[in-house]
């Protein structure tokens, strides 16, 4: 079994890929299967979060590109910046991870939150898309987190 302990800081050519939903990309210790079905042990520094486009090095030297899996998400949209800010406030007040784009917010599916944000006046659309939430003020900001609406 491969062991993966190193997250690379510079992009490089890859040998393999690893596709995971956000819930698993937040874990630093995890038994995984690469996209070629090869089993591996992920043993990264605690607190590591993997983002779309990150690169990892396995103990045997193989380079692995991280891909964000499509998952069930909900997209809230409005051209009104004030409404978008209000929605961000209410979601942030509940410590909900959010992905923010120009005129939209994406979260993992939650019918209670969907109803709340819909009541503020934003449109609601269910999608199957990668989820790349903001890294947070202290968690470091990832340029990868700013994908465009509808981008996969």
Protein backbone atom coordinates (compact mmCIF):
# COMPACT_ATOMS: atom_id res chain seq x y z
CA UNK A 1 0.00 0.00 0.00
CA UNK A 2 1.24 3.48 -0.87
CA UNK A 3 1.79 6.00 1.90
CA UNK A 4 1.24 9.68 1.17
CA UNK A 5 2.81 12.07 3.67
CA UNK A 6 3.81 15.07 1.57
CA UNK A 7 1.75 17.90 0.09
CA UNK A 8 3.78 19.71 -2.57
CA UNK A 9 3.92 23.50 -2.74
CA UNK A 10 4.62 23.75 -6.49
CA UNK A 11 2.63 22.25 -9.36
CA UNK A 12 4.37 19.41 -11.14
CA UNK A 13 3.60 16.68 -13.65
CA UNK A 14 1.46 13.91 -12.21
CA UNK A 15 1.44 10.15 -12.39
CA UNK A 16 -1.94 9.54 -10.73
CA UNK A 17 -5.04 11.33 -9.50
CA UNK A 18 -7.18 11.23 -6.37
CA UNK A 19 -10.83 12.35 -6.46
CA UNK A 20 -12.52 13.00 -3.11
CA UNK A 21 -15.52 14.96 -1.81
CA UNK A 22 -14.83 17.88 0.52
CA UNK A 23 -15.73 15.86 3.64
CA UNK A 24 -12.77 13.55 2.94
CA UNK A 25 -10.42 16.29 1.68
CA UNK A 26 -10.59 17.79 5.20
CA UNK A 27 -9.08 14.69 6.81
CA UNK A 28 -5.34 14.35 7.25
CA UNK A 29 -5.41 10.64 8.15
CA UNK A 30 -7.45 8.48 5.81
CA UNK A 31 -7.44 5.20 3.94
CA UNK A 32 -8.11 6.11 0.31
CA UNK A 33 -8.26 4.61 -3.15
CA UNK A 34 -6.61 6.54 -5.98
CA UNK A 35 -8.56 6.95 -9.21
CA UNK A 36 -6.80 3.86 -10.60
CA UNK A 37 -8.16 1.89 -7.56
CA UNK A 38 -4.73 1.67 -5.93
CA UNK A 39 -5.05 1.66 -2.12
CA UNK A 40 -3.11 4.29 -0.17
CA UNK A 41 -2.75 5.68 3.33
CA UNK A 42 -3.08 9.45 3.53
CA UNK A 43 -0.95 10.68 6.46
CA UNK A 44 -0.61 14.43 6.04
CA UNK A 45 0.17 17.10 8.61
CA UNK A 46 -2.80 17.51 10.95
CA UNK A 47 -5.17 20.25 9.87
CA UNK A 48 -4.32 19.84 6.18
CA UNK A 49 -7.15 20.44 3.74
CA UNK A 50 -6.78 19.20 0.19
CA UNK A 51 -7.97 21.46 -2.63
CA UNK A 52 -8.69 20.88 -6.30
CA UNK A 53 -5.33 21.03 -8.09
CA UNK A 54 -3.14 20.26 -5.06
CA UNK A 55 -0.27 17.82 -5.57
CA UNK A 56 0.87 15.04 -3.26
CA UNK A 57 3.97 12.84 -3.26
CA UNK A 58 3.72 9.17 -2.28
CA UNK A 59 6.53 7.41 -0.44
CA UNK A 60 7.60 5.73 -3.70
CA UNK A 61 7.93 9.12 -5.48
CA UNK A 62 4.67 9.02 -7.46
CA UNK A 63 3.00 12.42 -7.85
CA UNK A 64 -0.77 12.53 -7.31
CA UNK A 65 -3.08 15.36 -8.36
CA UNK A 66 -6.07 16.06 -6.10
CA UNK A 67 -9.46 16.47 -7.74
CA UNK A 68 -12.65 17.67 -6.08
CA UNK A 69 -15.43 15.14 -6.59
CA UNK A 70 -18.86 16.20 -7.75
CA UNK A 71 -21.25 16.15 -4.81
CA UNK A 72 -24.78 17.23 -3.96
CA UNK A 73 -24.70 20.98 -3.34
CA UNK A 74 -27.11 23.86 -3.47
CA UNK A 75 -26.41 27.13 -5.24
CA UNK A 76 -28.02 30.35 -4.00
CA UNK A 77 -27.92 33.24 -6.42
CA UNK A 78 -28.91 36.89 -6.55
CA UNK A 79 -27.66 39.99 -8.39
CA UNK A 80 -28.34 41.96 -5.17
CA UNK A 81 -25.06 42.34 -3.24
CA UNK A 82 -26.89 43.26 -0.03
CA UNK A 83 -28.97 40.05 -0.14
CA UNK A 84 -25.85 38.01 -0.89
CA UNK A 85 -24.08 39.59 2.10
CA UNK A 86 -27.08 38.85 4.35
CA UNK A 87 -27.10 35.21 3.22
CA UNK A 88 -23.34 34.93 3.87
CA UNK A 89 -23.85 36.42 7.32
CA UNK A 90 -26.60 33.96 8.25
CA UNK A 91 -24.65 30.95 6.97
CA UNK A 92 -21.44 32.14 8.64
CA UNK A 93 -23.28 32.70 11.89
CA UNK A 94 -24.06 28.97 11.77
CA UNK A 95 -20.42 28.09 10.90
CA UNK A 96 -21.46 26.58 7.57
CA UNK A 97 -18.66 26.12 5.00
CA UNK A 98 -19.50 28.23 1.94
CA UNK A 99 -18.09 28.63 -1.53
CA UNK A 100 -18.58 32.19 -2.73
CA UNK A 101 -18.63 33.45 -6.30
CA UNK A 102 -19.80 36.57 -8.11
CA UNK A 103 -23.51 36.73 -7.26
CA UNK A 104 -23.75 33.24 -5.76
CA UNK A 105 -23.04 31.03 -2.74
CA UNK A 106 -22.70 27.24 -2.77
CA UNK A 107 -23.14 24.97 0.27
CA UNK A 108 -23.59 21.26 0.83
CA UNK A 109 -27.25 20.22 0.68
CA UNK A 110 -29.31 21.05 3.78
CA UNK A 111 -33.06 21.59 3.41
CA UNK A 112 -33.35 23.74 6.55
CA UNK A 113 -30.64 26.15 5.32
CA UNK A 114 -32.13 26.11 1.81
CA UNK A 115 -35.49 27.24 3.22
CA UNK A 116 -33.83 29.95 5.31
CA UNK A 117 -31.86 31.41 2.38
CA UNK A 118 -34.83 31.10 0.01
CA UNK A 119 -36.86 33.16 2.53
CA UNK A 120 -34.27 35.95 2.20
CA UNK A 121 -35.06 36.19 -1.52
CA UNK A 122 -32.23 34.26 -3.19
CA UNK A 123 -32.87 31.69 -5.90
CA UNK A 124 -32.10 28.06 -5.03
CA UNK A 125 -30.71 25.51 -7.46
CA UNK A 126 -29.64 21.94 -6.67
CA UNK A 127 -26.45 20.85 -8.43
CA UNK A 128 -23.99 18.03 -8.67
CA UNK A 129 -20.68 19.95 -8.60
CA UNK A 130 -17.31 20.13 -6.84
CA UNK A 131 -17.48 21.90 -3.48
CA UNK A 132 -14.54 24.20 -2.68
CA UNK A 133 -15.48 26.32 0.36
CA UNK A 134 -13.54 29.30 1.59
CA UNK A 135 -10.51 28.41 3.72
CA UNK A 136 -11.44 30.79 6.53
CA UNK A 137 -9.60 33.75 7.99
CA UNK A 138 -7.05 31.58 9.78
CA UNK A 139 -7.05 28.50 7.56
CA UNK A 140 -5.35 30.20 4.65
CA UNK A 141 -7.08 31.25 1.48
CA UNK A 142 -6.92 29.05 -1.56
CA UNK A 143 -7.04 30.53 -5.03
CA UNK A 144 -8.64 27.23 -6.02
CA UNK A 145 -11.77 28.12 -4.06
CA UNK A 146 -12.95 30.70 -6.58
CA UNK A 147 -14.41 28.58 -9.37
CA UNK A 148 -17.11 30.13 -11.49
CA UNK A 149 -20.82 29.34 -11.33
CA UNK A 150 -21.46 26.16 -13.26
CA UNK A 151 -17.78 25.29 -13.61
CA UNK A 152 -16.90 21.64 -13.04
